[in-house]
PDB file of N, CA and C in Angstrom:
ATOM      1  N   MET A   1     -10.448 -14.898  -5.215  1.00  0.00           N
ATOM      2  CA  MET A   1      -9.570 -14.018  -5.982  1.00  0.00           C
ATOM      3  C   MET A   1      -8.124 -14.211  -5.543  1.00  0.00           C
ATOM      4  N   PRO A   2      -7.206 -14.006  -6.449  1.00  0.00           N
ATOM      5  CA  PRO A   2      -5.792 -14.217  -6.132  1.00  0.00           C
ATOM      6  C   PRO A   2      -5.140 -13.038  -5.401  1.00  0.00           C
ATOM      7  N   PHE A   3      -5.922 -12.079  -4.932  1.00  0.00           N
ATOM      8  CA  PHE A   3      -5.336 -10.923  -4.244  1.00  0.00           C
ATOM      9  C   PHE A   3      -4.568 -11.346  -3.000  1.00  0.00           C
ATOM     10  N   SER A   4      -5.158 -12.229  -2.198  1.00  0.00           N
ATOM     11  CA  SER A   4      -4.521 -12.641  -0.943  1.00  0.00           C
ATOM     12  C   SER A   4      -3.158 -13.267  -1.181  1.00  0.00           C
ATOM     13  N   ALA A   5      -3.044 -14.080  -2.215  1.00  0.00           N
ATOM     14  CA  ALA A   5      -1.763 -14.720  -2.525  1.00  0.00           C
ATOM     15  C   ALA A   5      -0.715 -13.677  -2.902  1.00  0.00           C
ATOM     16  N   ALA A   6      -1.104 -12.695  -3.692  1.00  0.00           N
ATOM     17  CA  ALA A   6      -0.168 -11.638  -4.096  1.00  0.00           C
ATOM     18  C   ALA A   6       0.269 -10.817  -2.887  1.00  0.00           C
ATOM     19  N   LEU A   7      -0.674 -10.492  -2.007  1.00  0.00           N
ATOM     20  CA  LEU A   7      -0.353  -9.709  -0.819  1.00  0.00           C
ATOM     21  C   LEU A   7       0.551 -10.493   0.125  1.00  0.00           C
ATOM     22  N   LYS A   8       0.268 -11.774   0.285  1.00  0.00           N
ATOM     23  CA  LYS A   8       1.102 -12.629   1.136  1.00  0.00           C
ATOM     24  C   LYS A   8       2.525 -12.684   0.591  1.00  0.00           C
ATOM     25  N   GLN A   9       2.661 -12.802  -0.717  1.00  0.00           N
ATOM     26  CA  GLN A   9       3.981 -12.862  -1.345  1.00  0.00           C
ATOM     27  C   GLN A   9       4.774 -11.582  -1.073  1.00  0.00           C
ATOM     28  N   ILE A  10       4.101 -10.446  -1.097  1.00  0.00           N
ATOM     29  CA  ILE A  10       4.772  -9.172  -0.829  1.00  0.00           C
ATOM     30  C   ILE A  10       5.234  -9.119   0.623  1.00  0.00           C
ATOM     31  N   VAL A  11       4.314  -9.368   1.551  1.00  0.00           N
ATOM     32  CA  VAL A  11       4.626  -9.243   2.980  1.00  0.00           C
ATOM     33  C   VAL A  11       5.720 -10.222   3.397  1.00  0.00           C
ATOM     34  N   GLU A  12       5.603 -11.455   2.952  1.00  0.00           N
ATOM     35  CA  GLU A  12       6.584 -12.457   3.356  1.00  0.00           C
ATOM     36  C   GLU A  12       7.881 -12.370   2.554  1.00  0.00           C
ATOM     37  N   GLY A  13       7.854 -11.596   1.473  1.00  0.00           N
ATOM     38  CA  GLY A  13       9.040 -11.439   0.642  1.00  0.00           C
ATOM     39  C   GLY A  13       9.942 -10.299   1.061  1.00  0.00           C
ATOM     40  N   VAL A  14       9.549  -9.554   2.091  1.00  0.00           N
ATOM     41  CA  VAL A  14      10.355  -8.418   2.528  1.00  0.00           C
ATOM     42  C   VAL A  14      10.603  -8.522   4.030  1.00  0.00           C
ATOM     43  N   GLU A  15      11.845  -8.334   4.403  1.00  0.00           N
ATOM     44  CA  GLU A  15      12.199  -8.360   5.820  1.00  0.00           C
ATOM     45  C   GLU A  15      11.474  -7.235   6.550  1.00  0.00           C
ATOM     46  N   GLY A  16      10.800  -7.570   7.633  1.00  0.00           N
ATOM     47  CA  GLY A  16      10.084  -6.569   8.418  1.00  0.00           C
ATOM     48  C   GLY A  16       8.680  -6.291   7.935  1.00  0.00           C
ATOM     49  N   GLY A  17       8.191  -7.053   6.961  1.00  0.00           N
ATOM     50  CA  GLY A  17       6.827  -6.851   6.467  1.00  0.00           C
ATOM     51  C   GLY A  17       5.797  -7.182   7.534  1.00  0.00           C
ATOM     52  N   LEU A  18       4.859  -6.275   7.764  1.00  0.00           N
ATOM     53  CA  LEU A  18       3.800  -6.491   8.754  1.00  0.00           C
ATOM     54  C   LEU A  18       2.472  -6.827   8.095  1.00  0.00           C
ATOM     55  N   GLY A  19       2.181  -6.170   6.988  1.00  0.00           N
ATOM     56  CA  GLY A  19       0.922  -6.413   6.306  1.00  0.00           C
ATOM     57  C   GLY A  19       0.833  -5.613   5.023  1.00  0.00           C
ATOM     58  N   ALA A  20      -0.070  -6.047   4.164  1.00  0.00           N
ATOM     59  CA  ALA A  20      -0.320  -5.347   2.904  1.00  0.00           C
ATOM     60  C   ALA A  20      -1.816  -5.384   2.642  1.00  0.00           C
ATOM     61  N   ALA A  21      -2.297  -4.365   1.956  1.00  0.00           N
ATOM     62  CA  ALA A  21      -3.727  -4.290   1.656  1.00  0.00           C
ATOM     63  C   ALA A  21      -3.942  -3.614   0.316  1.00  0.00           C
ATOM     64  N   ILE A  22      -5.058  -3.948  -0.287  1.00  0.00           N
ATOM     65  CA  ILE A  22      -5.553  -3.238  -1.460  1.00  0.00           C
ATOM     66  C   ILE A  22      -6.770  -2.474  -0.978  1.00  0.00           C
ATOM     67  N   MET A  23      -6.749  -1.173  -1.199  1.00  0.00           N
ATOM     68  CA  MET A  23      -7.811  -0.295  -0.710  1.00  0.00           C
ATOM     69  C   MET A  23      -8.297   0.603  -1.835  1.00  0.00           C
ATOM     70  N   GLY A  24      -9.552   1.011  -1.730  1.00  0.00           N
ATOM     71  CA  GLY A  24     -10.074   2.026  -2.617  1.00  0.00           C
ATOM     72  C   GLY A  24      -9.832   3.398  -2.015  1.00  0.00           C
ATOM     73  N   TYR A  25      -9.771   4.417  -2.846  1.00  0.00           N
ATOM     74  CA  TYR A  25      -9.598   5.781  -2.346  1.00  0.00           C
ATOM     75  C   TYR A  25     -10.790   6.220  -1.507  1.00  0.00           C
ATOM     76  N   ASP A  26     -11.902   5.502  -1.633  1.00  0.00           N
ATOM     77  CA  ASP A  26     -13.075   5.793  -0.817  1.00  0.00           C
ATOM     78  C   ASP A  26     -12.977   5.145   0.561  1.00  0.00           C
ATOM     79  N   GLY A  27     -11.849   4.460   0.841  1.00  0.00           N
ATOM     80  CA  GLY A  27     -11.645   3.818   2.134  1.00  0.00           C
ATOM     81  C   GLY A  27     -12.181   2.405   2.216  1.00  0.00           C
ATOM     82  N   ILE A  28     -12.747   1.910   1.122  1.00  0.00           N
ATOM     83  CA  ILE A  28     -13.288   0.554   1.129  1.00  0.00           C
ATOM     84  C   ILE A  28     -12.150  -0.447   0.954  1.00  0.00           C
ATOM     85  N   HIS A  29     -12.134  -1.392   1.853  1.00  0.00           N
ATOM     86  CA  HIS A  29     -11.113  -2.438   1.892  1.00  0.00           C
ATOM     87  C   HIS A  29     -11.439  -3.501   0.847  1.00  0.00           C
ATOM     88  N   ILE A  30     -10.492  -3.824  -0.029  1.00  0.00           N
ATOM     89  CA  ILE A  30     -10.696  -4.856  -1.050  1.00  0.00           C
ATOM     90  C   ILE A  30     -10.138  -6.191  -0.567  1.00  0.00           C
ATOM     91  N   ASP A  31      -8.910  -6.187  -0.070  1.00  0.00           N
ATOM     92  CA  ASP A  31      -8.317  -7.406   0.490  1.00  0.00           C
ATOM     93  C   ASP A  31      -7.079  -7.017   1.283  1.00  0.00           C
ATOM     94  N   GLU A  32      -6.630  -7.941   2.158  1.00  0.00           N
ATOM     95  CA  GLU A  32      -5.436  -7.680   2.946  1.00  0.00           C
ATOM     96  C   GLU A  32      -4.784  -8.995   3.353  1.00  0.00           C
ATOM     97  N   TYR A  33      -3.518  -8.892   3.699  1.00  0.00           N
ATOM     98  CA  TYR A  33      -2.796 -10.013   4.292  1.00  0.00           C
ATOM     99  C   TYR A  33      -1.984  -9.442   5.444  1.00  0.00           C
ATOM    100  N   LEU A  34      -2.147 -10.011   6.626  1.00  0.00           N
ATOM    101  CA  LEU A  34      -1.437  -9.540   7.809  1.00  0.00           C
ATOM    102  C   LEU A  34      -0.636 -10.677   8.417  1.00  0.00           C
ATOM    103  N   ARG A  35       0.564 -10.345   8.873  1.00  0.00           N
ATOM    104  CA  ARG A  35       1.309 -11.318   9.675  1.00  0.00           C
ATOM    105  C   ARG A  35       0.571 -11.458  11.000  1.00  0.00           C
ATOM    106  N   GLU A  36       0.799 -12.552  11.679  1.00  0.00           N
ATOM    107  CA  GLU A  36       0.125 -12.767  12.960  1.00  0.00           C
ATOM    108  C   GLU A  36       0.495 -11.679  13.957  1.00  0.00           C
ATOM    109  N   ASP A  37      -0.504 -11.207  14.687  1.00  0.00           N
ATOM    110  CA  ASP A  37      -0.328 -10.222  15.758  1.00  0.00           C
ATOM    111  C   ASP A  37       0.476  -8.992  15.358  1.00  0.00           C
ATOM    112  N   PRO A  38       0.026  -8.258  14.335  1.00  0.00           N
ATOM    113  CA  PRO A  38       0.751  -7.030  13.995  1.00  0.00           C
ATOM    114  C   PRO A  38       0.669  -6.052  15.170  1.00  0.00           C
ATOM    115  N   PRO A  39       1.683  -5.214  15.351  1.00  0.00           N
ATOM    116  CA  PRO A  39       1.728  -4.324  16.510  1.00  0.00           C
ATOM    117  C   PRO A  39       0.772  -3.134  16.433  1.00  0.00           C
ATOM    118  N   MET A  40       0.022  -3.018  15.345  1.00  0.00           N
ATOM    119  CA  MET A  40      -0.930  -1.910  15.199  1.00  0.00           C
ATOM    120  C   MET A  40      -2.093  -2.379  14.340  1.00  0.00           C
ATOM    121  N   ASP A  41      -3.165  -1.604  14.333  1.00  0.00           N
ATOM    122  CA  ASP A  41      -4.342  -1.935  13.524  1.00  0.00           C
ATOM    123  C   ASP A  41      -4.074  -1.490  12.088  1.00  0.00           C
ATOM    124  N   LEU A  42      -3.596  -2.414  11.281  1.00  0.00           N
ATOM    125  CA  LEU A  42      -3.202  -2.071   9.914  1.00  0.00           C
ATOM    126  C   LEU A  42      -4.399  -1.747   9.031  1.00  0.00           C
ATOM    127  N   HIS A  43      -5.541  -2.342   9.323  1.00  0.00           N
ATOM    128  CA  HIS A  43      -6.744  -2.027   8.539  1.00  0.00           C
ATOM    129  C   HIS A  43      -7.146  -0.571   8.770  1.00  0.00           C
ATOM    130  N   LEU A  44      -7.168  -0.143  10.013  1.00  0.00           N
ATOM    131  CA  LEU A  44      -7.501   1.247  10.330  1.00  0.00           C
ATOM    132  C   LEU A  44      -6.475   2.193   9.718  1.00  0.00           C
ATOM    133  N   LEU A  45      -5.211   1.814   9.779  1.00  0.00           N
ATOM    134  CA  LEU A  45      -4.159   2.635   9.193  1.00  0.00           C
ATOM    135  C   LEU A  45      -4.416   2.858   7.704  1.00  0.00           C
ATOM    136  N   ALA A  46      -4.751   1.784   6.985  1.00  0.00           N
ATOM    137  CA  ALA A  46      -5.002   1.894   5.544  1.00  0.00           C
ATOM    138  C   ALA A  46      -6.217   2.760   5.252  1.00  0.00           C
ATOM    139  N   VAL A  47      -7.265   2.626   6.046  1.00  0.00           N
ATOM    140  CA  VAL A  47      -8.470   3.438   5.856  1.00  0.00           C
ATOM    141  C   VAL A  47      -8.145   4.917   6.054  1.00  0.00           C
ATOM    142  N   GLU A  48      -7.390   5.229   7.090  1.00  0.00           N
ATOM    143  CA  GLU A  48      -7.038   6.625   7.357  1.00  0.00           C
ATOM    144  C   GLU A  48      -6.125   7.189   6.269  1.00  0.00           C
ATOM    145  N   TYR A  49      -5.197   6.391   5.776  1.00  0.00           N
ATOM    146  CA  TYR A  49      -4.323   6.866   4.705  1.00  0.00           C
ATOM    147  C   TYR A  49      -5.093   7.104   3.412  1.00  0.00           C
ATOM    148  N   ALA A  50      -6.205   6.425   3.220  1.00  0.00           N
ATOM    149  CA  ALA A  50      -7.022   6.658   2.020  1.00  0.00           C
ATOM    150  C   ALA A  50      -7.456   8.116   1.958  1.00  0.00           C
ATOM    151  N   THR A  51      -7.833   8.674   3.099  1.00  0.00           N
ATOM    152  CA  THR A  51      -8.246  10.078   3.160  1.00  0.00           C
ATOM    153  C   THR A  51      -7.083  10.997   2.796  1.00  0.00           C
ATOM    154  N   VAL A  52      -5.927  10.722   3.352  1.00  0.00           N
ATOM    155  CA  VAL A  52      -4.738  11.531   3.071  1.00  0.00           C
ATOM    156  C   VAL A  52      -4.357  11.425   1.596  1.00  0.00           C
ATOM    157  N   LEU A  53      -4.410  10.221   1.060  1.00  0.00           N
ATOM    158  CA  LEU A  53      -4.025  10.013  -0.339  1.00  0.00           C
ATOM    159  C   LEU A  53      -4.942  10.730  -1.312  1.00  0.00           C
ATOM    160  N   LYS A  54      -6.225  10.817  -0.987  1.00  0.00           N
ATOM    161  CA  LYS A  54      -7.139  11.577  -1.859  1.00  0.00           C
ATOM    162  C   LYS A  54      -6.677  13.023  -1.965  1.00  0.00           C
ATOM    163  N   GLU A  55      -6.244  13.595  -0.844  1.00  0.00           N
ATOM    164  CA  GLU A  55      -5.774  14.982  -0.858  1.00  0.00           C
ATOM    165  C   GLU A  55      -4.448  15.117  -1.611  1.00  0.00           C
ATOM    166  N   VAL A  56      -3.550  14.180  -1.409  1.00  0.00           N
ATOM    167  CA  VAL A  56      -2.278  14.208  -2.140  1.00  0.00           C
ATOM    168  C   VAL A  56      -2.543  14.090  -3.635  1.00  0.00           C
ATOM    169  N   LYS A  57      -3.422  13.174  -4.001  1.00  0.00           N
ATOM    170  CA  LYS A  57      -3.769  12.976  -5.417  1.00  0.00           C
ATOM    171  C   LYS A  57      -4.367  14.254  -6.014  1.00  0.00           C
ATOM    172  N   ARG A  58      -5.253  14.904  -5.265  1.00  0.00           N
ATOM    173  CA  ARG A  58      -5.861  16.148  -5.729  1.00  0.00           C
ATOM    174  C   ARG A  58      -4.791  17.224  -5.915  1.00  0.00           C
ATOM    175  N   THR A  59      -3.862  17.323  -4.963  1.00  0.00           N
ATOM    176  CA  THR A  59      -2.797  18.318  -5.045  1.00  0.00           C
ATOM    177  C   THR A  59      -1.902  18.074  -6.255  1.00  0.00           C
ATOM    178  N   VAL A  60      -1.545  16.820  -6.490  1.00  0.00           N
ATOM    179  CA  VAL A  60      -0.720  16.468  -7.651  1.00  0.00           C
ATOM    180  C   VAL A  60      -1.444  16.861  -8.937  1.00  0.00           C
ATOM    181  N   ASP A  61      -2.749  16.617  -8.996  1.00  0.00           N
ATOM    182  CA  ASP A  61      -3.535  16.991 -10.177  1.00  0.00           C
ATOM    183  C   ASP A  61      -3.544  18.499 -10.382  1.00  0.00           C
ATOM    184  N   VAL A  62      -3.723  19.261  -9.290  1.00  0.00           N
ATOM    185  CA  VAL A  62      -3.756  20.723  -9.378  1.00  0.00           C
ATOM    186  C   VAL A  62      -2.407  21.258  -9.860  1.00  0.00           C
ATOM    187  N   LEU A  63      -1.329  20.680  -9.362  1.00  0.00           N
ATOM    188  CA  LEU A  63       0.007  21.144  -9.740  1.00  0.00           C
ATOM    189  C   LEU A  63       0.412  20.708 -11.143  1.00  0.00           C
ATOM    190  N   GLY A  64      -0.276  19.709 -11.674  1.00  0.00           N
ATOM    191  CA  GLY A  64       0.025  19.242 -13.019  1.00  0.00           C
ATOM    192  C   GLY A  64       1.393  18.595 -13.152  1.00  0.00           C
ATOM    193  N   THR A  65       1.819  17.887 -12.113  1.00  0.00           N
ATOM    194  CA  THR A  65       3.148  17.276 -12.131  1.00  0.00           C
ATOM    195  C   THR A  65       3.140  15.831 -12.617  1.00  0.00           C
ATOM    196  N   GLY A  66       2.015  15.363 -13.127  1.00  0.00           N
ATOM    197  CA  GLY A  66       1.905  13.979 -13.590  1.00  0.00           C
ATOM    198  C   GLY A  66       1.122  13.144 -12.600  1.00  0.00           C
ATOM    199  N   ASP A  67       0.915  11.910 -12.955  1.00  0.00           N
ATOM    200  CA  ASP A  67       0.141  11.017 -12.095  1.00  0.00           C
ATOM    201  C   ASP A  67       0.938  10.619 -10.856  1.00  0.00           C
ATOM    202  N   MET A  68       0.239  10.529  -9.723  1.00  0.00           N
ATOM    203  CA  MET A  68       0.859  10.054  -8.495  1.00  0.00           C
ATOM    204  C   MET A  68       1.188   8.573  -8.663  1.00  0.00           C
ATOM    205  N   GLU A  69       2.388   8.173  -8.250  1.00  0.00           N
ATOM    206  CA  GLU A  69       2.804   6.778  -8.345  1.00  0.00           C
ATOM    207  C   GLU A  69       2.997   6.138  -6.977  1.00  0.00           C
ATOM    208  N   GLU A  70       3.642   6.871  -6.059  1.00  0.00           N
ATOM    209  CA  GLU A  70       4.007   6.275  -4.778  1.00  0.00           C
ATOM    210  C   GLU A  70       4.088   7.348  -3.703  1.00  0.00           C
ATOM    211  N   VAL A  71       3.703   6.971  -2.495  1.00  0.00           N
ATOM    212  CA  VAL A  71       3.804   7.851  -1.334  1.00  0.00           C
ATOM    213  C   VAL A  71       4.351   7.011  -0.187  1.00  0.00           C
ATOM    214  N   SER A  72       5.268   7.583   0.590  1.00  0.00           N
ATOM    215  CA  SER A  72       5.828   6.877   1.743  1.00  0.00           C
ATOM    216  C   SER A  72       5.694   7.739   2.986  1.00  0.00           C
ATOM    217  N   VAL A  73       5.455   7.078   4.117  1.00  0.00           N
ATOM    218  CA  VAL A  73       5.379   7.761   5.402  1.00  0.00           C
ATOM    219  C   VAL A  73       6.210   6.955   6.391  1.00  0.00           C
ATOM    220  N   ALA A  74       7.144   7.627   7.065  1.00  0.00           N
ATOM    221  CA  ALA A  74       7.962   6.970   8.083  1.00  0.00           C
ATOM    222  C   ALA A  74       7.605   7.556   9.443  1.00  0.00           C
ATOM    223  N   THR A  75       7.377   6.674  10.412  1.00  0.00           N
ATOM    224  CA  THR A  75       7.098   7.102  11.782  1.00  0.00           C
ATOM    225  C   THR A  75       8.097   6.419  12.714  1.00  0.00           C
ATOM    226  N   GLU A  76       7.986   6.694  14.001  1.00  0.00           N
ATOM    227  CA  GLU A  76       8.876   6.064  14.976  1.00  0.00           C
ATOM    228  C   GLU A  76       8.777   4.546  14.953  1.00  0.00           C
ATOM    229  N   ARG A  77       7.595   4.018  14.660  1.00  0.00           N
ATOM    230  CA  ARG A  77       7.355   2.583  14.776  1.00  0.00           C
ATOM    231  C   ARG A  77       7.231   1.845  13.453  1.00  0.00           C
ATOM    232  N   SER A  78       7.013   2.557  12.370  1.00  0.00           N
ATOM    233  CA  SER A  78       6.771   1.847  11.113  1.00  0.00           C
ATOM    234  C   SER A  78       7.089   2.716   9.902  1.00  0.00           C
ATOM    235  N   ARG A  79       7.066   2.043   8.764  1.00  0.00           N
ATOM    236  CA  ARG A  79       7.133   2.709   7.461  1.00  0.00           C
ATOM    237  C   ARG A  79       5.950   2.208   6.655  1.00  0.00           C
ATOM    238  N   VAL A  80       5.308   3.115   5.972  1.00  0.00           N
ATOM    239  CA  VAL A  80       4.164   2.766   5.131  1.00  0.00           C
ATOM    240  C   VAL A  80       4.498   3.202   3.710  1.00  0.00           C
ATOM    241  N   ILE A  81       4.360   2.271   2.780  1.00  0.00           N
ATOM    242  CA  ILE A  81       4.605   2.564   1.367  1.00  0.00           C
ATOM    243  C   ILE A  81       3.296   2.324   0.626  1.00  0.00           C
ATOM    244  N   VAL A  82       2.874   3.315  -0.118  1.00  0.00           N
ATOM    245  CA  VAL A  82       1.628   3.226  -0.880  1.00  0.00           C
ATOM    246  C   VAL A  82       1.971   3.312  -2.356  1.00  0.00           C
ATOM    247  N   ARG A  83       1.440   2.391  -3.130  1.00  0.00           N
ATOM    248  CA  ARG A  83       1.658   2.371  -4.577  1.00  0.00           C
ATOM    249  C   ARG A  83       0.304   2.419  -5.267  1.00  0.00           C
ATOM    250  N   VAL A  84       0.141   3.326  -6.201  1.00  0.00           N
ATOM    251  CA  VAL A  84      -1.112   3.452  -6.945  1.00  0.00           C
ATOM    252  C   VAL A  84      -1.283   2.237  -7.854  1.00  0.00           C
ATOM    253  N   ILE A  85      -2.497   1.668  -7.848  1.00  0.00           N
ATOM    254  CA  ILE A  85      -2.830   0.580  -8.769  1.00  0.00           C
ATOM    255  C   ILE A  85      -3.557   1.152  -9.978  1.00  0.00           C
ATOM    256  N   ASN A  86      -4.592   1.947  -9.714  1.00  0.00           N
ATOM    257  CA  ASN A  86      -5.355   2.614 -10.777  1.00  0.00           C
ATOM    258  C   ASN A  86      -6.050   3.829 -10.169  1.00  0.00           C
ATOM    259  N   ASP A  87      -6.971   4.441 -10.894  1.00  0.00           N
ATOM    260  CA  ASP A  87      -7.644   5.642 -10.397  1.00  0.00           C
ATOM    261  C   ASP A  87      -8.552   5.372  -9.207  1.00  0.00           C
ATOM    262  N   ASP A  88      -8.853   4.112  -8.948  1.00  0.00           N
ATOM    263  CA  ASP A  88      -9.783   3.772  -7.878  1.00  0.00           C
ATOM    264  C   ASP A  88      -9.144   3.072  -6.690  1.00  0.00           C
ATOM    265  N   ALA A  89      -7.951   2.506  -6.850  1.00  0.00           N
ATOM    266  CA  ALA A  89      -7.385   1.662  -5.792  1.00  0.00           C
ATOM    267  C   ALA A  89      -5.880   1.858  -5.644  1.00  0.00           C
ATOM    268  N   PHE A  90      -5.409   1.527  -4.449  1.00  0.00           N
ATOM    269  CA  PHE A  90      -3.979   1.587  -4.168  1.00  0.00           C
ATOM    270  C   PHE A  90      -3.565   0.384  -3.335  1.00  0.00           C
ATOM    271  N   LEU A  91      -2.274   0.140  -3.333  1.00  0.00           N
ATOM    272  CA  LEU A  91      -1.663  -0.963  -2.610  1.00  0.00           C
ATOM    273  C   LEU A  91      -0.845  -0.360  -1.480  1.00  0.00           C
ATOM    274  N   VAL A  92      -1.016  -0.854  -0.273  1.00  0.00           N
ATOM    275  CA  VAL A  92      -0.282  -0.319   0.874  1.00  0.00           C
ATOM    276  C   VAL A  92       0.485  -1.448   1.560  1.00  0.00           C
ATOM    277  N   LEU A  93       1.746  -1.184   1.853  1.00  0.00           N
ATOM    278  CA  LEU A  93       2.606  -2.125   2.567  1.00  0.00           C
ATOM    279  C   LEU A  93       3.092  -1.442   3.833  1.00  0.00           C
ATOM    280  N   THR A  94       2.935  -2.123   4.959  1.00  0.00           N
ATOM    281  CA  THR A  94       3.427  -1.607   6.231  1.00  0.00           C
ATOM    282  C   THR A  94       4.607  -2.458   6.675  1.00  0.00           C
ATOM    283  N   LEU A  95       5.688  -1.762   7.018  1.00  0.00           N
ATOM    284  CA  LEU A  95       6.925  -2.413   7.450  1.00  0.00           C
ATOM    285  C   LEU A  95       7.270  -1.994   8.870  1.00  0.00           C
ATOM    286  N   GLU A  96       8.007  -2.853   9.570  1.00  0.00           N
ATOM    287  CA  GLU A  96       8.623  -2.430  10.816  1.00  0.00           C
ATOM    288  C   GLU A  96       9.562  -1.274  10.485  1.00  0.00           C
ATOM    289  N   ARG A  97       9.870  -0.469  11.459  1.00  0.00           N
ATOM    290  CA  ARG A  97      10.717   0.707  11.243  1.00  0.00           C
ATOM    291  C   ARG A  97      12.029   0.347  10.527  1.00  0.00           C
ATOM    292  N   ASP A  98      12.619  -0.790  10.888  1.00  0.00           N
ATOM    293  CA  ASP A  98      13.895  -1.192  10.296  1.00  0.00           C
ATOM    294  C   ASP A  98      13.728  -2.215   9.177  1.00  0.00           C
ATOM    295  N   GLY A  99      12.515  -2.344   8.649  1.00  0.00           N
ATOM    296  CA  GLY A  99      12.269  -3.283   7.556  1.00  0.00           C
ATOM    297  C   GLY A  99      12.998  -2.860   6.288  1.00  0.00           C
ATOM    298  N   ASN A 100      13.060  -3.749   5.335  1.00  0.00           N
ATOM    299  CA  ASN A 100      13.786  -3.500   4.087  1.00  0.00           C
ATOM    300  C   ASN A 100      12.929  -2.639   3.146  1.00  0.00           C
ATOM    301  N   TYR A 101      13.067  -1.345   3.310  1.00  0.00           N
ATOM    302  CA  TYR A 101      12.273  -0.357   2.581  1.00  0.00           C
ATOM    303  C   TYR A 101      12.463  -0.469   1.065  1.00  0.00           C
ATOM    304  N   GLY A 102      13.698  -0.601   0.618  1.00  0.00           N
ATOM    305  CA  GLY A 102      13.976  -0.684  -0.822  1.00  0.00           C
ATOM    306  C   GLY A 102      13.322  -1.895  -1.468  1.00  0.00           C
ATOM    307  N   LYS A 103      13.417  -3.044  -0.815  1.00  0.00           N
ATOM    308  CA  LYS A 103      12.800  -4.243  -1.371  1.00  0.00           C
ATOM    309  C   LYS A 103      11.282  -4.123  -1.334  1.00  0.00           C
ATOM    310  N   GLY A 104      10.749  -3.499  -0.293  1.00  0.00           N
ATOM    311  CA  GLY A 104       9.304  -3.279  -0.230  1.00  0.00           C
ATOM    312  C   GLY A 104       8.817  -2.455  -1.411  1.00  0.00           C
ATOM    313  N   ARG A 105       9.526  -1.384  -1.711  1.00  0.00           N
ATOM    314  CA  ARG A 105       9.171  -0.547  -2.868  1.00  0.00           C
ATOM    315  C   ARG A 105       9.246  -1.346  -4.156  1.00  0.00           C
ATOM    316  N   TYR A 106      10.284  -2.137  -4.294  1.00  0.00           N
ATOM    317  CA  TYR A 106      10.479  -2.960  -5.488  1.00  0.00           C
ATOM    318  C   TYR A 106       9.326  -3.949  -5.663  1.00  0.00           C
ATOM    319  N   LEU A 107       8.955  -4.650  -4.595  1.00  0.00           N
ATOM    320  CA  LEU A 107       7.875  -5.634  -4.683  1.00  0.00           C
ATOM    321  C   LEU A 107       6.536  -4.977  -5.018  1.00  0.00           C
ATOM    322  N   LEU A 108       6.285  -3.788  -4.479  1.00  0.00           N
ATOM    323  CA  LEU A 108       5.041  -3.078  -4.817  1.00  0.00           C
ATOM    324  C   LEU A 108       5.037  -2.660  -6.281  1.00  0.00           C
ATOM    325  N   ARG A 109       6.186  -2.179  -6.756  1.00  0.00           N
ATOM    326  CA  ARG A 109       6.277  -1.766  -8.162  1.00  0.00           C
ATOM    327  C   ARG A 109       6.024  -2.946  -9.100  1.00  0.00           C
ATOM    328  N   LEU A 110       6.498  -4.140  -8.732  1.00  0.00           N
ATOM    329  CA  LEU A 110       6.245  -5.330  -9.548  1.00  0.00           C
ATOM    330  C   LEU A 110       4.788  -5.780  -9.473  1.00  0.00           C
ATOM    331  N   ALA A 111       4.189  -5.691  -8.299  1.00  0.00           N
ATOM    332  CA  ALA A 111       2.831  -6.210  -8.093  1.00  0.00           C
ATOM    333  C   ALA A 111       1.746  -5.312  -8.673  1.00  0.00           C
ATOM    334  N   ALA A 112       1.953  -4.003  -8.685  1.00  0.00           N
ATOM    335  CA  ALA A 112       0.894  -3.070  -9.090  1.00  0.00           C
ATOM    336  C   ALA A 112       0.317  -3.360 -10.478  1.00  0.00           C
ATOM    337  N   PRO A 113       1.122  -3.585 -11.522  1.00  0.00           N
ATOM    338  CA  PRO A 113       0.529  -3.864 -12.843  1.00  0.00           C
ATOM    339  C   PRO A 113      -0.294  -5.151 -12.868  1.00  0.00           C
ATOM    340  N   LYS A 114       0.165  -6.176 -12.155  1.00  0.00           N
ATOM    341  CA  LYS A 114      -0.581  -7.437 -12.106  1.00  0.00           C
ATOM    342  C   LYS A 114      -1.922  -7.245 -11.410  1.00  0.00           C
ATOM    343  N   LEU A 115      -1.910  -6.493 -10.316  1.00  0.00           N
ATOM    344  CA  LEU A 115      -3.153  -6.234  -9.588  1.00  0.00           C
ATOM    345  C   LEU A 115      -4.083  -5.336 -10.402  1.00  0.00           C
ATOM    346  N   ARG A 116      -3.512  -4.391 -11.142  1.00  0.00           N
ATOM    347  CA  ARG A 116      -4.314  -3.522 -12.014  1.00  0.00           C
ATOM    348  C   ARG A 116      -5.089  -4.367 -13.019  1.00  0.00           C
ATOM    349  N   GLU A 117      -4.411  -5.353 -13.588  1.00  0.00           N
ATOM    350  CA  GLU A 117      -5.054  -6.241 -14.556  1.00  0.00           C
ATOM    351  C   GLU A 117      -6.177  -7.057 -13.898  1.00  0.00           C
ATOM    352  N   LEU A 118      -5.940  -7.549 -12.699  1.00  0.00           N
ATOM    353  CA  LEU A 118      -6.958  -8.334 -11.993  1.00  0.00           C
ATOM    354  C   LEU A 118      -8.176  -7.492 -11.603  1.00  0.00           C
ATOM    355  N   LEU A 119      -7.944  -6.210 -11.332  1.00  0.00           N
ATOM    356  CA  LEU A 119      -9.041  -5.323 -10.923  1.00  0.00           C
ATOM    357  C   LEU A 119      -9.864  -4.815 -12.099  1.00  0.00           C
ATOM    358  N   SER A 120      -9.339  -4.928 -13.348  1.00  0.00           N
ATOM    359  CA  SER A 120     -10.084  -4.395 -14.487  1.00  0.00           C
ATOM    360  C   SER A 120     -11.177  -5.318 -14.944  1.00  0.00           C
TER     361      SER A 120
END
């Protein structure tokens, strides 16, 4: 599947990119691309965020504010950007703390429709 190529393009296309993954909201890993020796377990990070995203998605539905599109989390060591692909899967990009956040968001926004088509 061409998922790995798309994920590699995202990670290597943004300064400070550590890794990207396609995950299901059930925590099932679909594919990922990691730079060599990432400073944290990015697979575990994505699995744990799946649980959080299910709750955020449920809250957005209850509030009736429209479909969830993107969620970001910034910590001392990293930034995580999550972009919804469809009702079953999301795309997650992990950046170094000082990585290019704006370009990361842009690349995820471009990739999500293409990945949605591949997943259908």
